[in-house]
Amino acid sequence: MLLLLGMSNEVVLDIETQNTFQDIGSRDTDQLKIFISNLINKATRQLSKS
């Protein structure tokens, strides 16, 4: 998870990948197929799913 600190609001991003480095045979992050599976607003404790 990645924690982003905003002005007075914290947001947590749950980042997942479809592939691993072993799957793609290199360390090229462009090929990982990254997406955000959940977004959590810590101030309101709201969860947004993609």
C-alpha atoms as a PDB file:
ATOM      1  CA  MET A   1       0.000   0.000   0.000  1.00  0.00           C
ATOM      2  CA  LEU A   2       1.059   3.557  -0.629  1.00  0.00           C
ATOM      3  CA  LEU A   3       0.199   6.354   1.795  1.00  0.00           C
ATOM      4  CA  LEU A   4      -0.185   9.810   0.271  1.00  0.00           C
ATOM      5  CA  LEU A   5      -0.139  12.785   2.610  1.00  0.00           C
ATOM      6  CA  GLY A   6      -2.235  15.695   1.441  1.00  0.00           C
ATOM      7  CA  MET A   7      -2.925  19.076   2.963  1.00  0.00           C
ATOM      8  CA  SER A   8      -4.955  17.697   5.881  1.00  0.00           C
ATOM      9  CA  ASN A   9      -6.228  14.519   4.318  1.00  0.00           C
ATOM     10  CA  GLU A  10      -4.520  11.146   4.053  1.00  0.00           C
ATOM     11  CA  VAL A  11      -5.316   8.757   1.238  1.00  0.00           C
ATOM     12  CA  VAL A  12      -4.166   5.150   1.049  1.00  0.00           C
ATOM     13  CA  LEU A  13      -3.802   3.501  -2.354  1.00  0.00           C
ATOM     14  CA  ASP A  14      -3.803  -0.281  -2.609  1.00  0.00           C
ATOM     15  CA  ILE A  15      -1.703  -0.843  -5.717  1.00  0.00           C
ATOM     16  CA  GLU A  16      -1.568  -4.249  -7.375  1.00  0.00           C
ATOM     17  CA  THR A  17       0.104  -5.631 -10.477  1.00  0.00           C
ATOM     18  CA  GLN A  18      -1.153  -8.160 -12.982  1.00  0.00           C
ATOM     19  CA  ASN A  19       2.361  -9.410 -13.746  1.00  0.00           C
ATOM     20  CA  THR A  20       5.537  -9.965 -11.725  1.00  0.00           C
ATOM     21  CA  PHE A  21       9.078  -9.135 -12.830  1.00  0.00           C
ATOM     22  CA  GLN A  22       9.607 -12.861 -13.274  1.00  0.00           C
ATOM     23  CA  ASP A  23       6.531 -13.071 -15.547  1.00  0.00           C
ATOM     24  CA  ILE A  24       7.809 -10.350 -17.876  1.00  0.00           C
ATOM     25  CA  GLY A  25      11.477 -11.385 -17.712  1.00  0.00           C
ATOM     26  CA  SER A  26      12.804  -7.899 -16.939  1.00  0.00           C
ATOM     27  CA  ARG A  27      12.666  -5.048 -14.413  1.00  0.00           C
ATOM     28  CA  ASP A  28      10.604  -2.848 -16.780  1.00  0.00           C
ATOM     29  CA  THR A  29       7.807  -1.437 -14.599  1.00  0.00           C
ATOM     30  CA  ASP A  30       5.847  -0.332 -17.681  1.00  0.00           C
ATOM     31  CA  GLN A  31       5.048  -3.995 -18.360  1.00  0.00           C
ATOM     32  CA  LEU A  32       3.715  -4.821 -14.872  1.00  0.00           C
ATOM     33  CA  LYS A  33       0.150  -3.647 -15.637  1.00  0.00           C
ATOM     34  CA  ILE A  34      -0.280  -1.680 -12.416  1.00  0.00           C
ATOM     35  CA  PHE A  35      -3.738  -0.699 -11.163  1.00  0.00           C
ATOM     36  CA  ILE A  36      -5.282   0.745  -8.015  1.00  0.00           C
ATOM     37  CA  SER A  37      -7.598  -1.817  -6.457  1.00  0.00           C
ATOM     38  CA  ASN A  38      -8.747   0.274  -3.473  1.00  0.00           C
ATOM     39  CA  LEU A  39      -8.644   3.903  -2.421  1.00  0.00           C
ATOM     40  CA  ILE A  40      -9.165   4.718   1.255  1.00  0.00           C
ATOM     41  CA  ASN A  41      -9.843   8.220   2.567  1.00  0.00           C
ATOM     42  CA  LYS A  42      -8.478   8.082   6.099  1.00  0.00           C
ATOM     43  CA  ALA A  43     -10.317  11.219   7.244  1.00  0.00           C
ATOM     44  CA  THR A  44     -13.752   9.811   6.388  1.00  0.00           C
ATOM     45  CA  ARG A  45     -12.723   6.131   6.474  1.00  0.00           C
ATOM     46  CA  GLN A  46     -14.433   5.649   3.130  1.00  0.00           C
ATOM     47  CA  LEU A  47     -13.296   2.856   0.870  1.00  0.00           C
ATOM     48  CA  SER A  48     -13.607   3.176  -2.899  1.00  0.00           C
ATOM     49  CA  LYS A  49     -13.078   0.039  -4.954  1.00  0.00           C
ATOM     50  CA  SER A  50     -12.191   0.088  -8.604  1.00  0.00           C
END
